[in-house]
Amino acid sequence: MQLSPLTKRISFSFAKFAKYDYQDALNFKSLLNEEEVMVMENANKFAQTVLFPRVLEDNRNESFDRSILKKMGESGYLGCTLSDFGMPGLSYTSYGLINR
């Protein structure tokens, strides 16, 4: 059985696309440099392990614990764009990734 020219063209055009990643549907990670990817992954890990359980519990109890801000400061996520006072001096893109 021989394929029609249209079928060949359609099957060939699908080979050009990258494999779909549901966690990064727009292939956003490819636009970032190595430092920004590291910041994004570390901030995500921090949010999932430290912030998420705490925020979930505080939301249920209708309370706010200031220790969350202290933990974010200790991790270097607050004021991360500053280069004075021992702060890392990250780019504004990295700051946006932390907030994301």
PDB file of N, CA and C in Angstrom:
ATOM      1  N   MET A   1       0.844  -1.171   0.000  1.00  0.00           N
ATOM      2  CA  MET A   1       0.000   0.000   0.000  1.00  0.00           C
ATOM      3  C   MET A   1       0.895   1.242   0.000  1.00  0.00           C
ATOM      4  N   GLN A   2       0.592   2.146  -0.873  1.00  0.00           N
ATOM      5  CA  GLN A   2       1.397   3.346  -1.007  1.00  0.00           C
ATOM      6  C   GLN A   2       0.641   4.528  -0.390  1.00  0.00           C
ATOM      7  N   LEU A   3       1.374   5.365   0.364  1.00  0.00           N
ATOM      8  CA  LEU A   3       0.769   6.526   1.010  1.00  0.00           C
ATOM      9  C   LEU A   3       0.610   7.665   0.021  1.00  0.00           C
ATOM     10  N   SER A   4      -0.447   8.419   0.193  1.00  0.00           N
ATOM     11  CA  SER A   4      -0.667   9.575  -0.675  1.00  0.00           C
ATOM     12  C   SER A   4       0.330  10.682  -0.308  1.00  0.00           C
ATOM     13  N   PRO A   5       0.595  11.613  -1.215  1.00  0.00           N
ATOM     14  CA  PRO A   5       1.518  12.709  -0.910  1.00  0.00           C
ATOM     15  C   PRO A   5       1.077  13.542   0.297  1.00  0.00           C
ATOM     16  N   LEU A   6      -0.234  13.722   0.480  1.00  0.00           N
ATOM     17  CA  LEU A   6      -0.741  14.481   1.615  1.00  0.00           C
ATOM     18  C   LEU A   6      -0.425  13.764   2.927  1.00  0.00           C
ATOM     19  N   THR A   7      -0.606  12.456   2.972  1.00  0.00           N
ATOM     20  CA  THR A   7      -0.317  11.678   4.175  1.00  0.00           C
ATOM     21  C   THR A   7       1.166  11.729   4.499  1.00  0.00           C
ATOM     22  N   LYS A   8       2.014  11.645   3.499  1.00  0.00           N
ATOM     23  CA  LYS A   8       3.456  11.740   3.724  1.00  0.00           C
ATOM     24  C   LYS A   8       3.822  13.095   4.302  1.00  0.00           C
ATOM     25  N   ARG A   9       3.241  14.162   3.755  1.00  0.00           N
ATOM     26  CA  ARG A   9       3.562  15.502   4.211  1.00  0.00           C
ATOM     27  C   ARG A   9       3.083  15.722   5.645  1.00  0.00           C
ATOM     28  N   ILE A  10       1.916  15.217   5.994  1.00  0.00           N
ATOM     29  CA  ILE A  10       1.394  15.382   7.350  1.00  0.00           C
ATOM     30  C   ILE A  10       2.238  14.597   8.339  1.00  0.00           C
ATOM     31  N   SER A  11       2.580  13.370   8.058  1.00  0.00           N
ATOM     32  CA  SER A  11       3.372  12.574   8.991  1.00  0.00           C
ATOM     33  C   SER A  11       4.773  13.135   9.126  1.00  0.00           C
ATOM     34  N   PHE A  12       5.317  13.714   8.072  1.00  0.00           N
ATOM     35  CA  PHE A  12       6.646  14.303   8.139  1.00  0.00           C
ATOM     36  C   PHE A  12       6.631  15.587   8.969  1.00  0.00           C
ATOM     37  N   SER A  13       5.569  16.370   8.878  1.00  0.00           N
ATOM     38  CA  SER A  13       5.518  17.631   9.613  1.00  0.00           C
ATOM     39  C   SER A  13       5.419  17.401  11.123  1.00  0.00           C
ATOM     40  N   PHE A  14       4.839  16.296  11.569  1.00  0.00           N
ATOM     41  CA  PHE A  14       4.770  16.014  12.992  1.00  0.00           C
ATOM     42  C   PHE A  14       6.129  15.657  13.567  1.00  0.00           C
ATOM     43  N   ALA A  15       7.030  15.181  12.761  1.00  0.00           N
ATOM     44  CA  ALA A  15       8.356  14.815  13.239  1.00  0.00           C
ATOM     45  C   ALA A  15       9.157  16.039  13.655  1.00  0.00           C
ATOM     46  N   LYS A  16       8.787  17.233  13.206  1.00  0.00           N
ATOM     47  CA  LYS A  16       9.518  18.458  13.522  1.00  0.00           C
ATOM     48  C   LYS A  16       9.253  18.946  14.943  1.00  0.00           C
ATOM     49  N   PHE A  17       8.141  18.579  15.521  1.00  0.00           N
ATOM     50  CA  PHE A  17       7.768  19.079  16.831  1.00  0.00           C
ATOM     51  C   PHE A  17       8.521  18.359  17.935  1.00  0.00           C
ATOM     52  N   ALA A  18       8.822  19.104  19.002  1.00  0.00           N
ATOM     53  CA  ALA A  18       9.453  18.514  20.179  1.00  0.00           C
ATOM     54  C   ALA A  18       8.415  17.719  20.963  1.00  0.00           C
ATOM     55  N   LYS A  19       8.888  16.806  21.777  1.00  0.00           N
ATOM     56  CA  LYS A  19       7.987  16.025  22.613  1.00  0.00           C
ATOM     57  C   LYS A  19       7.312  16.944  23.629  1.00  0.00           C
ATOM     58  N   TYR A  20       6.031  16.751  23.825  1.00  0.00           N
ATOM     59  CA  TYR A  20       5.244  17.611  24.710  1.00  0.00           C
ATOM     60  C   TYR A  20       5.547  17.308  26.171  1.00  0.00           C
ATOM     61  N   ASP A  21       5.803  18.355  26.936  1.00  0.00           N
ATOM     62  CA  ASP A  21       6.046  18.240  28.364  1.00  0.00           C
ATOM     63  C   ASP A  21       4.936  19.017  29.082  1.00  0.00           C
ATOM     64  N   TYR A  22       4.070  18.336  29.789  1.00  0.00           N
ATOM     65  CA  TYR A  22       2.924  18.990  30.410  1.00  0.00           C
ATOM     66  C   TYR A  22       3.335  19.968  31.508  1.00  0.00           C
ATOM     67  N   GLN A  23       4.504  19.791  32.109  1.00  0.00           N
ATOM     68  CA  GLN A  23       4.946  20.700  33.153  1.00  0.00           C
ATOM     69  C   GLN A  23       5.527  21.997  32.584  1.00  0.00           C
ATOM     70  N   ASP A  24       5.951  21.969  31.337  1.00  0.00           N
ATOM     71  CA  ASP A  24       6.492  23.147  30.671  1.00  0.00           C
ATOM     72  C   ASP A  24       5.925  23.189  29.258  1.00  0.00           C
ATOM     73  N   ALA A  25       4.631  23.430  29.165  1.00  0.00           N
ATOM     74  CA  ALA A  25       3.921  23.322  27.894  1.00  0.00           C
ATOM     75  C   ALA A  25       4.415  24.305  26.846  1.00  0.00           C
ATOM     76  N   LEU A  26       4.892  25.468  27.250  1.00  0.00           N
ATOM     77  CA  LEU A  26       5.358  26.473  26.298  1.00  0.00           C
ATOM     78  C   LEU A  26       6.872  26.424  26.084  1.00  0.00           C
ATOM     79  N   ASN A  27       7.528  25.388  26.610  1.00  0.00           N
ATOM     80  CA  ASN A  27       8.979  25.229  26.509  1.00  0.00           C
ATOM     81  C   ASN A  27       9.691  26.465  27.062  1.00  0.00           C
ATOM     82  N   PHE A  28       9.190  26.966  28.172  1.00  0.00           N
ATOM     83  CA  PHE A  28       9.705  28.159  28.822  1.00  0.00           C
ATOM     84  C   PHE A  28      11.133  27.962  29.322  1.00  0.00           C
ATOM     85  N   LYS A  29      11.431  26.765  29.776  1.00  0.00           N
ATOM     86  CA  LYS A  29      12.739  26.476  30.369  1.00  0.00           C
ATOM     87  C   LYS A  29      13.884  26.663  29.372  1.00  0.00           C
ATOM     88  N   SER A  30      13.603  26.486  28.094  1.00  0.00           N
ATOM     89  CA  SER A  30      14.657  26.631  27.085  1.00  0.00           C
ATOM     90  C   SER A  30      15.092  28.084  26.918  1.00  0.00           C
ATOM     91  N   LEU A  31      14.302  29.035  27.398  1.00  0.00           N
ATOM     92  CA  LEU A  31      14.630  30.458  27.285  1.00  0.00           C
ATOM     93  C   LEU A  31      15.509  30.951  28.426  1.00  0.00           C
ATOM     94  N   LEU A  32      15.715  30.127  29.436  1.00  0.00           N
ATOM     95  CA  LEU A  32      16.446  30.538  30.630  1.00  0.00           C
ATOM     96  C   LEU A  32      17.901  30.085  30.568  1.00  0.00           C
ATOM     97  N   ASN A  33      18.775  30.847  31.238  1.00  0.00           N
ATOM     98  CA  ASN A  33      20.164  30.409  31.334  1.00  0.00           C
ATOM     99  C   ASN A  33      20.300  29.435  32.504  1.00  0.00           C
ATOM    100  N   GLU A  34      21.489  28.923  32.698  1.00  0.00           N
ATOM    101  CA  GLU A  34      21.723  27.869  33.695  1.00  0.00           C
ATOM    102  C   GLU A  34      21.412  28.348  35.113  1.00  0.00           C
ATOM    103  N   GLU A  35      21.802  29.575  35.444  1.00  0.00           N
ATOM    104  CA  GLU A  35      21.556  30.120  36.778  1.00  0.00           C
ATOM    105  C   GLU A  35      20.062  30.278  37.039  1.00  0.00           C
ATOM    106  N   GLU A  36      19.334  30.745  36.042  1.00  0.00           N
ATOM    107  CA  GLU A  36      17.894  30.958  36.195  1.00  0.00           C
ATOM    108  C   GLU A  36      17.148  29.642  36.345  1.00  0.00           C
ATOM    109  N   VAL A  37      17.593  28.612  35.649  1.00  0.00           N
ATOM    110  CA  VAL A  37      16.971  27.284  35.801  1.00  0.00           C
ATOM    111  C   VAL A  37      17.200  26.763  37.216  1.00  0.00           C
ATOM    112  N   MET A  38      18.416  26.960  37.729  1.00  0.00           N
ATOM    113  CA  MET A  38      18.736  26.508  39.080  1.00  0.00           C
ATOM    114  C   MET A  38      17.884  27.255  40.106  1.00  0.00           C
ATOM    115  N   VAL A  39      17.734  28.567  39.936  1.00  0.00           N
ATOM    116  CA  VAL A  39      16.906  29.365  40.842  1.00  0.00           C
ATOM    117  C   VAL A  39      15.465  28.888  40.785  1.00  0.00           C
ATOM    118  N   MET A  40      14.948  28.653  39.587  1.00  0.00           N
ATOM    119  CA  MET A  40      13.568  28.208  39.427  1.00  0.00           C
ATOM    120  C   MET A  40      13.331  26.859  40.115  1.00  0.00           C
ATOM    121  N   GLU A  41      14.248  25.923  39.932  1.00  0.00           N
ATOM    122  CA  GLU A  41      14.085  24.596  40.541  1.00  0.00           C
ATOM    123  C   GLU A  41      14.183  24.652  42.057  1.00  0.00           C
ATOM    124  N   ASN A  42      15.135  25.445  42.580  1.00  0.00           N
ATOM    125  CA  ASN A  42      15.283  25.558  44.035  1.00  0.00           C
ATOM    126  C   ASN A  42      14.086  26.253  44.670  1.00  0.00           C
ATOM    127  N   ALA A  43      13.587  27.305  44.017  1.00  0.00           N
ATOM    128  CA  ALA A  43      12.417  28.004  44.553  1.00  0.00           C
ATOM    129  C   ALA A  43      11.186  27.098  44.532  1.00  0.00           C
ATOM    130  N   ASN A  44      11.057  26.298  43.491  1.00  0.00           N
ATOM    131  CA  ASN A  44       9.928  25.368  43.410  1.00  0.00           C
ATOM    132  C   ASN A  44      10.019  24.310  44.509  1.00  0.00           C
ATOM    133  N   LYS A  45      11.215  23.804  44.726  1.00  0.00           N
ATOM    134  CA  LYS A  45      11.414  22.810  45.794  1.00  0.00           C
ATOM    135  C   LYS A  45      11.085  23.414  47.161  1.00  0.00           C
ATOM    136  N   PHE A  46      11.553  24.637  47.386  1.00  0.00           N
ATOM    137  CA  PHE A  46      11.279  25.332  48.650  1.00  0.00           C
ATOM    138  C   PHE A  46       9.783  25.535  48.837  1.00  0.00           C
ATOM    139  N   ALA A  47       9.106  25.960  47.786  1.00  0.00           N
ATOM    140  CA  ALA A  47       7.671  26.209  47.868  1.00  0.00           C
ATOM    141  C   ALA A  47       6.890  24.930  48.165  1.00  0.00           C
ATOM    142  N   GLN A  48       7.277  23.834  47.531  1.00  0.00           N
ATOM    143  CA  GLN A  48       6.552  22.578  47.724  1.00  0.00           C
ATOM    144  C   GLN A  48       6.804  21.958  49.097  1.00  0.00           C
ATOM    145  N   THR A  49       8.038  22.052  49.597  1.00  0.00           N
ATOM    146  CA  THR A  49       8.362  21.375  50.855  1.00  0.00           C
ATOM    147  C   THR A  49       8.111  22.228  52.087  1.00  0.00           C
ATOM    148  N   VAL A  50       8.380  23.531  52.000  1.00  0.00           N
ATOM    149  CA  VAL A  50       8.271  24.396  53.181  1.00  0.00           C
ATOM    150  C   VAL A  50       6.981  25.208  53.182  1.00  0.00           C
ATOM    151  N   LEU A  51       6.708  25.883  52.079  1.00  0.00           N
ATOM    152  CA  LEU A  51       5.582  26.813  52.059  1.00  0.00           C
ATOM    153  C   LEU A  51       4.227  26.137  51.910  1.00  0.00           C
ATOM    154  N   PHE A  52       4.123  25.210  50.990  1.00  0.00           N
ATOM    155  CA  PHE A  52       2.811  24.634  50.676  1.00  0.00           C
ATOM    156  C   PHE A  52       2.112  24.021  51.879  1.00  0.00           C
ATOM    157  N   PRO A  53       2.761  23.146  52.651  1.00  0.00           N
ATOM    158  CA  PRO A  53       2.040  22.571  53.807  1.00  0.00           C
ATOM    159  C   PRO A  53       1.642  23.639  54.829  1.00  0.00           C
ATOM    160  N   ARG A  54       2.526  24.619  55.009  1.00  0.00           N
ATOM    161  CA  ARG A  54       2.265  25.672  55.989  1.00  0.00           C
ATOM    162  C   ARG A  54       1.120  26.580  55.553  1.00  0.00           C
ATOM    163  N   VAL A  55       1.136  26.989  54.291  1.00  0.00           N
ATOM    164  CA  VAL A  55       0.101  27.871  53.767  1.00  0.00           C
ATOM    165  C   VAL A  55      -1.247  27.165  53.755  1.00  0.00           C
ATOM    166  N   LEU A  56      -1.242  25.898  53.421  1.00  0.00           N
ATOM    167  CA  LEU A  56      -2.481  25.131  53.412  1.00  0.00           C
ATOM    168  C   LEU A  56      -3.105  25.086  54.808  1.00  0.00           C
ATOM    169  N   GLU A  57      -2.279  24.825  55.799  1.00  0.00           N
ATOM    170  CA  GLU A  57      -2.774  24.763  57.177  1.00  0.00           C
ATOM    171  C   GLU A  57      -3.230  26.137  57.665  1.00  0.00           C
ATOM    172  N   ASP A  58      -2.460  27.178  57.354  1.00  0.00           N
ATOM    173  CA  ASP A  58      -2.839  28.531  57.777  1.00  0.00           C
ATOM    174  C   ASP A  58      -4.132  28.981  57.099  1.00  0.00           C
ATOM    175  N   ASN A  59      -4.335  28.565  55.867  1.00  0.00           N
ATOM    176  CA  ASN A  59      -5.573  28.918  55.166  1.00  0.00           C
ATOM    177  C   ASN A  59      -6.774  28.241  55.827  1.00  0.00           C
ATOM    178  N   ARG A  60      -6.600  27.012  56.215  1.00  0.00           N
ATOM    179  CA  ARG A  60      -7.701  26.294  56.882  1.00  0.00           C
ATOM    180  C   ARG A  60      -8.049  26.925  58.226  1.00  0.00           C
ATOM    181  N   ASN A  61      -7.018  27.402  58.952  1.00  0.00           N
ATOM    182  CA  ASN A  61      -7.227  27.995  60.275  1.00  0.00           C
ATOM    183  C   ASN A  61      -7.424  29.503  60.238  1.00  0.00           C
ATOM    184  N   GLU A  62      -7.411  30.086  59.042  1.00  0.00           N
ATOM    185  CA  GLU A  62      -7.550  31.527  58.864  1.00  0.00           C
ATOM    186  C   GLU A  62      -6.551  32.291  59.720  1.00  0.00           C
ATOM    187  N   SER A  63      -5.286  31.923  59.592  1.00  0.00           N
ATOM    188  CA  SER A  63      -4.223  32.584  60.345  1.00  0.00           C
ATOM    189  C   SER A  63      -3.027  32.841  59.427  1.00  0.00           C
ATOM    190  N   PHE A  64      -2.085  33.621  59.914  1.00  0.00           N
ATOM    191  CA  PHE A  64      -0.860  33.895  59.172  1.00  0.00           C
ATOM    192  C   PHE A  64       0.306  33.826  60.132  1.00  0.00           C
ATOM    193  N   ASP A  65       1.294  33.049  59.781  1.00  0.00           N
ATOM    194  CA  ASP A  65       2.469  32.895  60.621  1.00  0.00           C
ATOM    195  C   ASP A  65       3.635  33.633  59.972  1.00  0.00           C
ATOM    196  N   ARG A  66       4.209  34.584  60.675  1.00  0.00           N
ATOM    197  CA  ARG A  66       5.305  35.384  60.127  1.00  0.00           C
ATOM    198  C   ARG A  66       6.589  34.588  59.945  1.00  0.00           C
ATOM    199  N   SER A  67       6.649  33.425  60.499  1.00  0.00           N
ATOM    200  CA  SER A  67       7.872  32.622  60.337  1.00  0.00           C
ATOM    201  C   SER A  67       8.095  32.212  58.881  1.00  0.00           C
ATOM    202  N   ILE A  68       7.031  32.239  58.073  1.00  0.00           N
ATOM    203  CA  ILE A  68       7.179  31.952  56.649  1.00  0.00           C
ATOM    204  C   ILE A  68       8.096  32.980  56.004  1.00  0.00           C
ATOM    205  N   LEU A  69       7.893  34.259  56.336  1.00  0.00           N
ATOM    206  CA  LEU A  69       8.737  35.314  55.788  1.00  0.00           C
ATOM    207  C   LEU A  69      10.176  35.170  56.267  1.00  0.00           C
ATOM    208  N   LYS A  70      10.349  34.760  57.506  1.00  0.00           N
ATOM    209  CA  LYS A  70      11.698  34.566  58.042  1.00  0.00           C
ATOM    210  C   LYS A  70      12.415  33.436  57.291  1.00  0.00           C
ATOM    211  N   LYS A  71      11.695  32.358  57.015  1.00  0.00           N
ATOM    212  CA  LYS A  71      12.293  31.242  56.277  1.00  0.00           C
ATOM    213  C   LYS A  71      12.642  31.646  54.849  1.00  0.00           C
ATOM    214  N   MET A  72      11.786  32.462  54.228  1.00  0.00           N
ATOM    215  CA  MET A  72      12.088  32.942  52.878  1.00  0.00           C
ATOM    216  C   MET A  72      13.320  33.853  52.894  1.00  0.00           C
ATOM    217  N   GLY A  73      13.452  34.676  53.918  1.00  0.00           N
ATOM    218  CA  GLY A  73      14.623  35.537  54.051  1.00  0.00           C
ATOM    219  C   GLY A  73      15.891  34.747  54.283  1.00  0.00           C
ATOM    220  N   GLU A  74      15.815  33.719  55.116  1.00  0.00           N
ATOM    221  CA  GLU A  74      16.980  32.866  55.371  1.00  0.00           C
ATOM    222  C   GLU A  74      17.419  32.119  54.118  1.00  0.00           C
ATOM    223  N   SER A  75      16.469  31.798  53.266  1.00  0.00           N
ATOM    224  CA  SER A  75      16.782  31.095  52.021  1.00  0.00           C
ATOM    225  C   SER A  75      17.301  32.032  50.939  1.00  0.00           C
ATOM    226  N   GLY A  76      17.213  33.348  51.171  1.00  0.00           N
ATOM    227  CA  GLY A  76      17.719  34.318  50.211  1.00  0.00           C
ATOM    228  C   GLY A  76      16.727  34.716  49.149  1.00  0.00           C
ATOM    229  N   TYR A  77      15.453  34.444  49.361  1.00  0.00           N
ATOM    230  CA  TYR A  77      14.441  34.775  48.364  1.00  0.00           C
ATOM    231  C   TYR A  77      13.901  36.195  48.518  1.00  0.00           C
ATOM    232  N   LEU A  78      14.045  36.794  49.685  1.00  0.00           N
ATOM    233  CA  LEU A  78      13.616  38.178  49.884  1.00  0.00           C
ATOM    234  C   LEU A  78      14.813  39.093  49.642  1.00  0.00           C
ATOM    235  N   GLY A  79      14.658  40.059  48.779  1.00  0.00           N
ATOM    236  CA  GLY A  79      15.746  40.984  48.474  1.00  0.00           C
ATOM    237  C   GLY A  79      16.836  40.366  47.630  1.00  0.00           C
ATOM    238  N   CYS A  80      16.495  39.359  46.853  1.00  0.00           N
ATOM    239  CA  CYS A  80      17.510  38.623  46.098  1.00  0.00           C
ATOM    240  C   CYS A  80      18.141  39.439  44.974  1.00  0.00           C
ATOM    241  N   THR A  81      17.527  40.545  44.555  1.00  0.00           N
ATOM    242  CA  THR A  81      18.108  41.356  43.476  1.00  0.00           C
ATOM    243  C   THR A  81      19.177  42.314  44.002  1.00  0.00           C
ATOM    244  N   LEU A  82      19.257  42.476  45.313  1.00  0.00           N
ATOM    245  CA  LEU A  82      20.276  43.353  45.895  1.00  0.00           C
ATOM    246  C   LEU A  82      21.626  42.659  45.901  1.00  0.00           C
ATOM    247  N   SER A  83      22.678  43.428  45.665  1.00  0.00           N
ATOM    248  CA  SER A  83      24.017  42.840  45.720  1.00  0.00           C
ATOM    249  C   SER A  83      24.774  43.306  46.956  1.00  0.00           C
ATOM    250  N   ASP A  84      24.198  44.213  47.725  1.00  0.00           N
ATOM    251  CA  ASP A  84      24.812  44.681  48.967  1.00  0.00           C
ATOM    252  C   ASP A  84      24.382  43.799  50.135  1.00  0.00           C
ATOM    253  N   PHE A  85      25.036  43.968  51.246  1.00  0.00           N
ATOM    254  CA  PHE A  85      24.671  43.300  52.495  1.00  0.00           C
ATOM    255  C   PHE A  85      24.681  41.774  52.390  1.00  0.00           C
ATOM    256  N   GLY A  86      25.533  41.228  51.550  1.00  0.00           N
ATOM    257  CA  GLY A  86      25.651  39.775  51.427  1.00  0.00           C
ATOM    258  C   GLY A  86      24.534  39.104  50.661  1.00  0.00           C
ATOM    259  N   MET A  87      23.757  39.877  49.928  1.00  0.00           N
ATOM    260  CA  MET A  87      22.666  39.304  49.129  1.00  0.00           C
ATOM    261  C   MET A  87      23.213  38.837  47.780  1.00  0.00           C
ATOM    262  N   PRO A  88      22.552  37.901  47.135  1.00  0.00           N
ATOM    263  CA  PRO A  88      23.117  37.288  45.922  1.00  0.00           C
ATOM    264  C   PRO A  88      23.163  38.191  44.690  1.00  0.00           C
ATOM    265  N   GLY A  89      22.321  39.200  44.589  1.00  0.00           N
ATOM    266  CA  GLY A  89      22.317  40.070  43.419  1.00  0.00           C
ATOM    267  C   GLY A  89      21.847  39.363  42.160  1.00  0.00           C
ATOM    268  N   LEU A  90      20.743  38.643  42.251  1.00  0.00           N
ATOM    269  CA  LEU A  90      20.207  37.911  41.104  1.00  0.00           C
ATOM    270  C   LEU A  90      19.537  38.858  40.115  1.00  0.00           C
ATOM    271  N   SER A  91      19.297  38.369  38.926  1.00  0.00           N
ATOM    272  CA  SER A  91      18.628  39.163  37.893  1.00  0.00           C
ATOM    273  C   SER A  91      17.143  39.288  38.221  1.00  0.00           C
ATOM    274  N   TYR A  92      16.507  40.229  37.544  1.00  0.00           N
ATOM    275  CA  TYR A  92      15.068  40.409  37.748  1.00  0.00           C
ATOM    276  C   TYR A  92      14.274  39.238  37.167  1.00  0.00           C
ATOM    277  N   THR A  93      14.837  38.569  36.196  1.00  0.00           N
ATOM    278  CA  THR A  93      14.206  37.355  35.684  1.00  0.00           C
ATOM    279  C   THR A  93      14.173  36.284  36.768  1.00  0.00           C
ATOM    280  N   SER A  94      15.285  36.142  37.483  1.00  0.00           N
ATOM    281  CA  SER A  94      15.340  35.169  38.585  1.00  0.00           C
ATOM    282  C   SER A  94      14.349  35.540  39.684  1.00  0.00           C
ATOM    283  N   TYR A  95      14.226  36.827  39.944  1.00  0.00           N
ATOM    284  CA  TYR A  95      13.256  37.293  40.953  1.00  0.00           C
ATOM    285  C   TYR A  95      11.835  36.926  40.525  1.00  0.00           C
ATOM    286  N   GLY A  96      11.530  37.087  39.258  1.00  0.00           N
ATOM    287  CA  GLY A  96      10.220  36.702  38.742  1.00  0.00           C
ATOM    288  C   GLY A  96       9.992  35.212  38.845  1.00  0.00           C
ATOM    289  N   LEU A  97      11.034  34.415  38.612  1.00  0.00           N
ATOM    290  CA  LEU A  97      10.917  32.961  38.725  1.00  0.00           C
ATOM    291  C   LEU A  97      10.668  32.531  40.158  1.00  0.00           C
ATOM    292  N   ILE A  98      11.290  33.228  41.102  1.00  0.00           N
ATOM    293  CA  ILE A  98      11.055  32.932  42.522  1.00  0.00           C
ATOM    294  C   ILE A  98       9.599  33.206  42.868  1.00  0.00           C
ATOM    295  N   ASN A  99       9.082  34.327  42.401  1.00  0.00           N
ATOM    296  CA  ASN A  99       7.688  34.670  42.686  1.00  0.00           C
ATOM    297  C   ASN A  99       6.717  33.736  41.997  1.00  0.00           C
ATOM    298  N   ARG A 100       7.090  33.237  40.854  1.00  0.00           N
ATOM    299  CA  ARG A 100       6.237  32.300  40.121  1.00  0.00           C
ATOM    300  C   ARG A 100       6.093  31.022  40.912  1.00  0.00           C
TER     301      ARG A 100
END
